[in-house]
Amino acid sequence: MKRKKELKIVVLGSYNSGKTTTLETICEKKAKIEYKGTTIALDYGNTIIDGEKVHIFGSPGQERFEFMREILSQGLDGAIVVIDSSKGLTNVDEAIINKLNLQDVPYVLFANKQDISKNIIEHHTIKPDTPIIPTVATSGHGVSEGLLTLIKMIKT
């Protein structure tokens, strides 16, 4: 019996950018490890897209949990980097993007919280062909489209 490939996607970004809400919007089944409403280890969920199981891991955003981002990023097929549009790119976001660029991992940027601020995300660390998807994770706006864009990138 041939086993279907399952995808591993990691949701990365700074503290309070909307990573957990993004994951919860995407996934049918979810679990999280948090303390006082903040992810301290990981969020996990999965969904089925075109008959293929997609595992989605959410990482903590604080700098002190960089080691967790490293662990969760092992063997990933692609990444969603969630940026808080009202704050712009942070040092944590820049470090994440630089690592993804070095590892040549497909990723999309979610310019989240577009309901608060419609700022355009621009920075020299972002590759010119990187899709930047305007999102509002709390309402789901743009989230599914961004995920499907990433999956298409992974498969090509």
N, C-alpha and C. Protein backbone atom coordinates (compact mmCIF):
# COMPACT_ATOMS: atom_id res chain seq x y z
N MET A 1 0.84 -1.18 0.00
CA MET A 1 0.00 0.00 0.00
C MET A 1 0.89 1.25 0.00
N LYS A 2 0.64 2.13 -0.94
CA LYS A 2 1.44 3.35 -1.05
C LYS A 2 0.91 4.41 -0.07
N ARG A 3 1.81 4.95 0.73
CA ARG A 3 1.43 5.95 1.72
C ARG A 3 1.52 7.34 1.09
N LYS A 4 0.50 8.14 1.32
CA LYS A 4 0.51 9.50 0.80
C LYS A 4 1.49 10.34 1.60
N LYS A 5 2.12 11.27 0.91
CA LYS A 5 3.02 12.19 1.59
C LYS A 5 2.19 13.13 2.45
N GLU A 6 2.67 13.38 3.61
CA GLU A 6 2.04 14.35 4.49
C GLU A 6 2.96 15.55 4.59
N LEU A 7 2.39 16.73 4.58
CA LEU A 7 3.18 17.95 4.63
C LEU A 7 3.33 18.45 6.06
N LYS A 8 4.49 19.04 6.33
CA LYS A 8 4.75 19.69 7.61
C LYS A 8 4.99 21.16 7.34
N ILE A 9 4.12 21.99 7.91
CA ILE A 9 4.23 23.43 7.79
C ILE A 9 4.38 24.01 9.19
N VAL A 10 5.29 24.96 9.33
CA VAL A 10 5.50 25.61 10.63
C VAL A 10 5.08 27.08 10.51
N VAL A 11 4.32 27.52 11.50
CA VAL A 11 3.88 28.92 11.57
C VAL A 11 4.85 29.64 12.51
N LEU A 12 5.54 30.63 11.96
CA LEU A 12 6.59 31.36 12.69
C LEU A 12 6.24 32.84 12.75
N GLY A 13 6.87 33.55 13.67
CA GLY A 13 6.69 34.99 13.76
C GLY A 13 6.92 35.48 15.17
N SER A 14 6.86 36.77 15.32
CA SER A 14 7.10 37.42 16.61
C SER A 14 5.95 37.16 17.59
N TYR A 15 6.23 37.48 18.83
CA TYR A 15 5.24 37.39 19.90
C TYR A 15 4.01 38.22 19.55
N ASN A 16 2.85 37.63 19.72
CA ASN A 16 1.56 38.32 19.57
C ASN A 16 1.27 38.78 18.14
N SER A 17 1.84 38.09 17.16
CA SER A 17 1.59 38.47 15.76
C SER A 17 0.32 37.81 15.20
N GLY A 18 -0.15 36.74 15.87
CA GLY A 18 -1.36 36.05 15.41
C GLY A 18 -1.11 34.63 14.94
N LYS A 19 0.00 34.03 15.36
CA LYS A 19 0.35 32.68 14.93
C LYS A 19 -0.68 31.63 15.38
N THR A 20 -1.04 31.66 16.65
CA THR A 20 -1.99 30.68 17.18
C THR A 20 -3.36 30.85 16.52
N THR A 21 -3.81 32.07 16.37
CA THR A 21 -5.10 32.32 15.73
C THR A 21 -5.08 31.86 14.28
N THR A 22 -3.97 32.08 13.59
CA THR A 22 -3.82 31.61 12.21
C THR A 22 -3.96 30.09 12.17
N LEU A 23 -3.23 29.39 13.03
CA LEU A 23 -3.30 27.93 13.08
C LEU A 23 -4.71 27.46 13.39
N GLU A 24 -5.36 28.09 14.35
CA GLU A 24 -6.72 27.69 14.73
C GLU A 24 -7.71 27.91 13.60
N THR A 25 -7.48 28.93 12.79
CA THR A 25 -8.34 29.21 11.64
C THR A 25 -8.20 28.13 10.58
N ILE A 26 -7.00 27.60 10.41
CA ILE A 26 -6.71 26.61 9.37
C ILE A 26 -7.14 25.20 9.77
N CYS A 27 -6.91 24.82 11.00
CA CYS A 27 -6.95 23.41 11.40
C CYS A 27 -8.29 22.94 11.93
N GLU A 28 -8.60 21.70 11.58
CA GLU A 28 -9.81 21.05 12.06
C GLU A 28 -9.60 20.50 13.48
N LYS A 29 -8.41 19.95 13.72
CA LYS A 29 -8.07 19.41 15.03
C LYS A 29 -6.85 20.14 15.54
N LYS A 30 -6.86 20.53 16.82
CA LYS A 30 -5.75 21.32 17.33
C LYS A 30 -5.46 21.02 18.80
N ALA A 31 -4.22 21.31 19.18
CA ALA A 31 -3.77 21.20 20.56
C ALA A 31 -2.74 22.28 20.78
N LYS A 32 -2.61 22.75 22.01
CA LYS A 32 -1.60 23.78 22.27
C LYS A 32 -1.08 23.66 23.69
N ILE A 33 0.14 24.14 23.84
CA ILE A 33 0.78 24.19 25.14
C ILE A 33 1.04 25.66 25.43
N GLU A 34 0.30 26.20 26.37
CA GLU A 34 0.45 27.62 26.64
C GLU A 34 0.40 27.89 28.14
N TYR A 35 0.83 29.07 28.49
CA TYR A 35 0.82 29.54 29.87
C TYR A 35 0.27 30.96 29.84
N LYS A 36 -0.82 31.17 30.54
CA LYS A 36 -1.48 32.48 30.59
C LYS A 36 -1.75 33.03 29.19
N GLY A 37 -2.22 32.15 28.30
CA GLY A 37 -2.60 32.57 26.97
C GLY A 37 -1.47 32.75 25.98
N THR A 38 -0.23 32.43 26.38
CA THR A 38 0.92 32.59 25.50
C THR A 38 1.51 31.22 25.19
N THR A 39 1.78 30.97 23.91
CA THR A 39 2.40 29.70 23.52
C THR A 39 3.80 29.63 24.12
N ILE A 40 4.08 28.54 24.83
CA ILE A 40 5.40 28.39 25.44
C ILE A 40 6.18 27.22 24.86
N ALA A 41 5.53 26.36 24.13
CA ALA A 41 6.24 25.23 23.52
C ALA A 41 5.82 25.11 22.06
N LEU A 42 4.56 24.79 21.83
CA LEU A 42 4.10 24.65 20.45
C LEU A 42 2.58 24.63 20.41
N ASP A 43 2.07 24.96 19.24
CA ASP A 43 0.68 24.71 18.89
C ASP A 43 0.73 23.64 17.81
N TYR A 44 -0.30 22.84 17.73
CA TYR A 44 -0.33 21.83 16.68
C TYR A 44 -1.76 21.68 16.18
N GLY A 45 -1.87 21.50 14.90
CA GLY A 45 -3.16 21.20 14.29
C GLY A 45 -2.92 20.50 12.97
N ASN A 46 -3.99 19.95 12.43
CA ASN A 46 -3.87 19.35 11.11
C ASN A 46 -5.15 19.57 10.34
N THR A 47 -5.04 19.39 9.05
CA THR A 47 -6.18 19.52 8.16
C THR A 47 -5.92 18.65 6.95
N ILE A 48 -6.94 18.43 6.18
CA ILE A 48 -6.82 17.67 4.95
C ILE A 48 -7.07 18.62 3.79
N ILE A 49 -6.14 18.66 2.84
CA ILE A 49 -6.29 19.49 1.64
C ILE A 49 -6.04 18.60 0.44
N ASP A 50 -7.02 18.53 -0.44
CA ASP A 50 -6.95 17.68 -1.63
C ASP A 50 -6.56 16.25 -1.28
N GLY A 51 -7.15 15.73 -0.20
CA GLY A 51 -6.89 14.35 0.21
C GLY A 51 -5.56 14.12 0.89
N GLU A 52 -4.81 15.18 1.13
CA GLU A 52 -3.48 15.07 1.74
C GLU A 52 -3.50 15.70 3.13
N LYS A 53 -2.94 14.97 4.09
CA LYS A 53 -2.90 15.49 5.45
C LYS A 53 -1.79 16.53 5.58
N VAL A 54 -2.14 17.66 6.18
CA VAL A 54 -1.20 18.75 6.39
C VAL A 54 -1.07 18.96 7.90
N HIS A 55 0.15 18.76 8.42
CA HIS A 55 0.44 18.98 9.83
C HIS A 55 0.96 20.41 9.96
N ILE A 56 0.39 21.15 10.89
CA ILE A 56 0.79 22.55 11.07
C ILE A 56 1.21 22.75 12.52
N PHE A 57 2.44 23.24 12.68
CA PHE A 57 3.00 23.50 14.00
C PHE A 57 3.16 25.00 14.18
N GLY A 58 2.72 25.50 15.31
CA GLY A 58 2.91 26.91 15.64
C GLY A 58 3.99 27.04 16.67
N SER A 59 4.90 27.97 16.45
CA SER A 59 6.03 28.15 17.37
C SER A 59 5.78 29.34 18.29
N PRO A 60 6.46 29.36 19.43
CA PRO A 60 6.39 30.54 20.28
C PRO A 60 7.16 31.69 19.64
N GLY A 61 6.76 32.91 19.95
CA GLY A 61 7.36 34.07 19.30
C GLY A 61 8.45 34.78 20.09
N GLN A 62 8.54 34.53 21.38
CA GLN A 62 9.55 35.23 22.18
C GLN A 62 10.95 34.75 21.81
N GLU A 63 11.90 35.69 21.88
CA GLU A 63 13.28 35.37 21.51
C GLU A 63 13.84 34.21 22.33
N ARG A 64 13.47 34.12 23.61
CA ARG A 64 14.03 33.08 24.47
C ARG A 64 13.62 31.68 24.05
N PHE A 65 12.61 31.57 23.18
CA PHE A 65 12.17 30.26 22.72
C PHE A 65 12.68 29.94 21.32
N GLU A 66 13.78 30.57 20.92
CA GLU A 66 14.36 30.29 19.61
C GLU A 66 14.68 28.80 19.46
N PHE A 67 15.11 28.16 20.53
CA PHE A 67 15.43 26.73 20.47
C PHE A 67 14.21 25.90 20.07
N MET A 68 13.01 26.33 20.47
CA MET A 68 11.79 25.61 20.08
C MET A 68 11.51 25.80 18.59
N ARG A 69 11.77 27.01 18.08
CA ARG A 69 11.60 27.25 16.64
C ARG A 69 12.53 26.33 15.85
N GLU A 70 13.76 26.16 16.35
CA GLU A 70 14.73 25.28 15.69
C GLU A 70 14.23 23.83 15.68
N ILE A 71 13.74 23.37 16.81
CA ILE A 71 13.25 21.99 16.92
C ILE A 71 12.05 21.78 15.99
N LEU A 72 11.09 22.70 16.05
CA LEU A 72 9.88 22.56 15.23
C LEU A 72 10.17 22.67 13.74
N SER A 73 11.22 23.37 13.38
CA SER A 73 11.54 23.60 11.96
C SER A 73 12.29 22.44 11.31
N GLN A 74 12.69 21.46 12.09
CA GLN A 74 13.39 20.32 11.50
C GLN A 74 12.43 19.53 10.62
N GLY A 75 12.84 19.32 9.36
CA GLY A 75 12.05 18.53 8.44
C GLY A 75 10.82 19.21 7.88
N LEU A 76 10.75 20.53 8.00
CA LEU A 76 9.57 21.22 7.49
C LEU A 76 9.57 21.27 5.97
N ASP A 77 8.38 21.29 5.41
CA ASP A 77 8.23 21.42 3.95
C ASP A 77 8.03 22.88 3.55
N GLY A 78 7.51 23.69 4.46
CA GLY A 78 7.27 25.09 4.17
C GLY A 78 6.91 25.83 5.45
N ALA A 79 6.85 27.16 5.35
CA ALA A 79 6.58 27.97 6.53
C ALA A 79 5.64 29.12 6.20
N ILE A 80 4.88 29.49 7.20
CA ILE A 80 4.08 30.71 7.18
C ILE A 80 4.70 31.63 8.21
N VAL A 81 5.13 32.81 7.79
CA VAL A 81 5.68 33.79 8.71
C VAL A 81 4.60 34.85 8.92
N VAL A 82 4.11 34.94 10.16
CA VAL A 82 3.03 35.88 10.48
C VAL A 82 3.65 37.15 11.02
N ILE A 83 3.38 38.26 10.33
CA ILE A 83 3.89 39.57 10.72
C ILE A 83 2.71 40.41 11.21
N ASP A 84 2.87 41.08 12.33
CA ASP A 84 1.87 42.02 12.82
C ASP A 84 2.02 43.31 12.02
N SER A 85 1.07 43.59 11.14
CA SER A 85 1.16 44.77 10.27
C SER A 85 1.22 46.08 11.04
N SER A 86 0.66 46.10 12.23
CA SER A 86 0.67 47.34 13.00
C SER A 86 2.04 47.62 13.62
N LYS A 87 2.89 46.59 13.71
CA LYS A 87 4.23 46.76 14.26
C LYS A 87 5.32 46.71 13.20
N GLY A 88 5.06 46.02 12.09
CA GLY A 88 6.07 45.84 11.06
C GLY A 88 7.02 44.71 11.43
N LEU A 89 8.08 44.59 10.65
CA LEU A 89 9.06 43.53 10.83
C LEU A 89 9.88 43.75 12.10
N THR A 90 9.95 42.74 12.95
CA THR A 90 10.75 42.83 14.18
C THR A 90 12.08 42.11 13.96
N ASN A 91 12.97 42.22 14.94
CA ASN A 91 14.25 41.50 14.87
C ASN A 91 14.03 39.98 14.81
N VAL A 92 13.04 39.49 15.54
CA VAL A 92 12.73 38.05 15.51
C VAL A 92 12.28 37.65 14.11
N ASP A 93 11.40 38.47 13.50
CA ASP A 93 10.93 38.19 12.14
C ASP A 93 12.10 38.17 11.16
N GLU A 94 12.98 39.13 11.26
CA GLU A 94 14.15 39.20 10.36
C GLU A 94 15.01 37.94 10.49
N ALA A 95 15.26 37.51 11.72
CA ALA A 95 16.07 36.32 11.95
C ALA A 95 15.41 35.08 11.35
N ILE A 96 14.10 34.98 11.52
CA ILE A 96 13.35 33.84 10.96
C ILE A 96 13.46 33.84 9.44
N ILE A 97 13.22 34.99 8.82
CA ILE A 97 13.27 35.09 7.36
C ILE A 97 14.67 34.78 6.85
N ASN A 98 15.70 35.29 7.52
CA ASN A 98 17.07 35.00 7.10
C ASN A 98 17.36 33.51 7.12
N LYS A 99 16.91 32.80 8.18
CA LYS A 99 17.14 31.36 8.27
C LYS A 99 16.40 30.61 7.17
N LEU A 100 15.17 31.01 6.90
CA LEU A 100 14.41 30.36 5.84
C LEU A 100 15.07 30.58 4.48
N ASN A 101 15.58 31.79 4.25
CA ASN A 101 16.28 32.08 3.00
C ASN A 101 17.53 31.23 2.86
N LEU A 102 18.30 31.11 3.94
CA LEU A 102 19.53 30.32 3.90
C LEU A 102 19.25 28.84 3.65
N GLN A 103 18.15 28.35 4.21
CA GLN A 103 17.80 26.94 4.05
C GLN A 103 16.99 26.68 2.78
N ASP A 104 16.69 27.75 2.06
CA ASP A 104 15.92 27.66 0.81
C ASP A 104 14.58 26.95 1.02
N VAL A 105 13.89 27.32 2.10
CA VAL A 105 12.58 26.76 2.43
C VAL A 105 11.49 27.64 1.83
N PRO A 106 10.50 27.05 1.16
CA PRO A 106 9.39 27.86 0.66
C PRO A 106 8.61 28.48 1.82
N TYR A 107 8.29 29.75 1.70
CA TYR A 107 7.50 30.40 2.74
C TYR A 107 6.66 31.53 2.15
N VAL A 108 5.59 31.84 2.88
CA VAL A 108 4.77 33.00 2.57
C VAL A 108 4.74 33.89 3.79
N LEU A 109 4.56 35.17 3.59
CA LEU A 109 4.39 36.11 4.69
C LEU A 109 2.92 36.46 4.81
N PHE A 110 2.40 36.36 6.01
CA PHE A 110 1.05 36.83 6.29
C PHE A 110 1.17 38.20 6.93
N ALA A 111 0.75 39.24 6.23
CA ALA A 111 0.71 40.59 6.80
C ALA A 111 -0.58 40.66 7.59
N ASN A 112 -0.51 40.20 8.82
CA ASN A 112 -1.69 40.01 9.66
C ASN A 112 -2.14 41.31 10.32
N LYS A 113 -3.34 41.26 10.84
CA LYS A 113 -3.99 42.38 11.54
C LYS A 113 -4.26 43.54 10.58
N GLN A 114 -4.65 43.19 9.35
CA GLN A 114 -4.99 44.20 8.37
C GLN A 114 -6.22 45.01 8.76
N ASP A 115 -6.99 44.50 9.71
CA ASP A 115 -8.13 45.25 10.23
C ASP A 115 -7.68 46.40 11.13
N ILE A 116 -6.45 46.33 11.65
CA ILE A 116 -5.89 47.36 12.51
C ILE A 116 -5.01 48.31 11.71
N SER A 117 -4.18 47.75 10.84
CA SER A 117 -3.25 48.55 10.06
C SER A 117 -3.01 47.89 8.71
N LYS A 118 -3.10 48.67 7.67
CA LYS A 118 -2.90 48.15 6.32
C LYS A 118 -1.47 48.40 5.82
N ASN A 119 -0.53 48.51 6.75
CA ASN A 119 0.87 48.74 6.36
C ASN A 119 1.36 47.62 5.45
N ILE A 120 2.15 48.02 4.48
CA ILE A 120 2.77 47.07 3.56
C ILE A 120 4.08 46.61 4.20
N ILE A 121 4.32 45.32 4.17
CA ILE A 121 5.54 44.76 4.75
C ILE A 121 6.63 44.76 3.68
N GLU A 122 7.68 45.51 3.94
CA GLU A 122 8.83 45.55 3.03
C GLU A 122 10.11 45.53 3.84
N HIS A 123 11.10 44.83 3.33
CA HIS A 123 12.40 44.79 4.00
C HIS A 123 13.38 44.09 3.07
N HIS A 124 14.65 44.44 3.18
CA HIS A 124 15.64 43.84 2.29
C HIS A 124 15.84 42.33 2.51
N THR A 125 15.45 41.80 3.66
CA THR A 125 15.61 40.36 3.91
C THR A 125 14.55 39.54 3.18
N ILE A 126 13.46 40.17 2.76
CA ILE A 126 12.38 39.46 2.08
C ILE A 126 12.73 39.33 0.60
N LYS A 127 12.74 38.10 0.11
CA LYS A 127 13.02 37.88 -1.31
C LYS A 127 11.92 38.55 -2.15
N PRO A 128 12.30 39.11 -3.30
CA PRO A 128 11.31 39.82 -4.12
C PRO A 128 10.12 38.97 -4.58
N ASP A 129 10.31 37.66 -4.73
CA ASP A 129 9.23 36.81 -5.20
C ASP A 129 8.41 36.17 -4.07
N THR A 130 8.67 36.58 -2.84
CA THR A 130 7.94 36.03 -1.69
C THR A 130 6.51 36.56 -1.67
N PRO A 131 5.52 35.66 -1.67
CA PRO A 131 4.13 36.13 -1.57
C PRO A 131 3.87 36.78 -0.21
N ILE A 132 3.28 37.96 -0.24
CA ILE A 132 2.87 38.65 0.99
C ILE A 132 1.35 38.71 0.94
N ILE A 133 0.72 38.00 1.86
CA ILE A 133 -0.73 37.84 1.86
C ILE A 133 -1.33 38.70 2.97
N PRO A 134 -2.18 39.67 2.63
CA PRO A 134 -2.87 40.44 3.68
C PRO A 134 -3.86 39.53 4.40
N THR A 135 -3.78 39.46 5.73
CA THR A 135 -4.67 38.58 6.49
C THR A 135 -5.27 39.28 7.69
N VAL A 136 -6.39 38.73 8.13
CA VAL A 136 -6.99 39.04 9.42
C VAL A 136 -7.31 37.68 10.01
N ALA A 137 -6.41 37.16 10.83
CA ALA A 137 -6.55 35.79 11.33
C ALA A 137 -7.82 35.59 12.15
N THR A 138 -8.25 36.62 12.87
CA THR A 138 -9.44 36.49 13.71
C THR A 138 -10.71 36.24 12.90
N SER A 139 -10.75 36.73 11.67
CA SER A 139 -11.92 36.50 10.80
C SER A 139 -11.63 35.46 9.73
N GLY A 140 -10.37 35.09 9.57
CA GLY A 140 -9.98 34.12 8.55
C GLY A 140 -9.66 34.74 7.20
N HIS A 141 -9.80 36.05 7.09
CA HIS A 141 -9.56 36.72 5.81
C HIS A 141 -8.13 36.47 5.32
N GLY A 142 -8.01 35.89 4.13
CA GLY A 142 -6.71 35.67 3.49
C GLY A 142 -5.96 34.44 3.94
N VAL A 143 -6.37 33.82 5.03
CA VAL A 143 -5.61 32.71 5.61
C VAL A 143 -5.62 31.48 4.70
N SER A 144 -6.79 31.05 4.25
CA SER A 144 -6.88 29.88 3.37
C SER A 144 -6.13 30.11 2.06
N GLU A 145 -6.29 31.30 1.49
CA GLU A 145 -5.61 31.62 0.24
C GLU A 145 -4.10 31.56 0.43
N GLY A 146 -3.62 32.07 1.55
CA GLY A 146 -2.19 32.03 1.83
C GLY A 146 -1.67 30.62 2.00
N LEU A 147 -2.43 29.78 2.68
CA LEU A 147 -2.03 28.37 2.87
C LEU A 147 -1.98 27.65 1.52
N LEU A 148 -2.99 27.86 0.69
CA LEU A 148 -3.00 27.21 -0.62
C LEU A 148 -1.85 27.70 -1.50
N THR A 149 -1.50 28.98 -1.39
CA THR A 149 -0.35 29.52 -2.12
C THR A 149 0.92 28.81 -1.69
N LEU A 150 1.10 28.63 -0.38
CA LEU A 150 2.29 27.93 0.14
C LEU A 150 2.33 26.49 -0.34
N ILE A 151 1.22 25.80 -0.27
CA ILE A 151 1.19 24.39 -0.70
C ILE A 151 1.56 24.28 -2.19
N LYS A 152 1.07 25.20 -2.98
CA LYS A 152 1.43 25.20 -4.41
C LYS A 152 2.94 25.42 -4.59
N MET A 153 3.53 26.33 -3.79
CA MET A 153 4.96 26.56 -3.85
C MET A 153 5.75 25.30 -3.48
N ILE A 154 5.29 24.61 -2.45
CA ILE A 154 5.97 23.40 -1.98
C ILE A 154 5.96 22.33 -3.06
N LYS A 155 4.86 22.20 -3.76
CA LYS A 155 4.69 21.12 -4.73
C LYS A 155 5.32 21.42 -6.08
N THR A 156 5.78 22.66 -6.32
CA THR A 156 6.39 22.97 -7.62
C THR A 156 7.89 23.02 -7.52
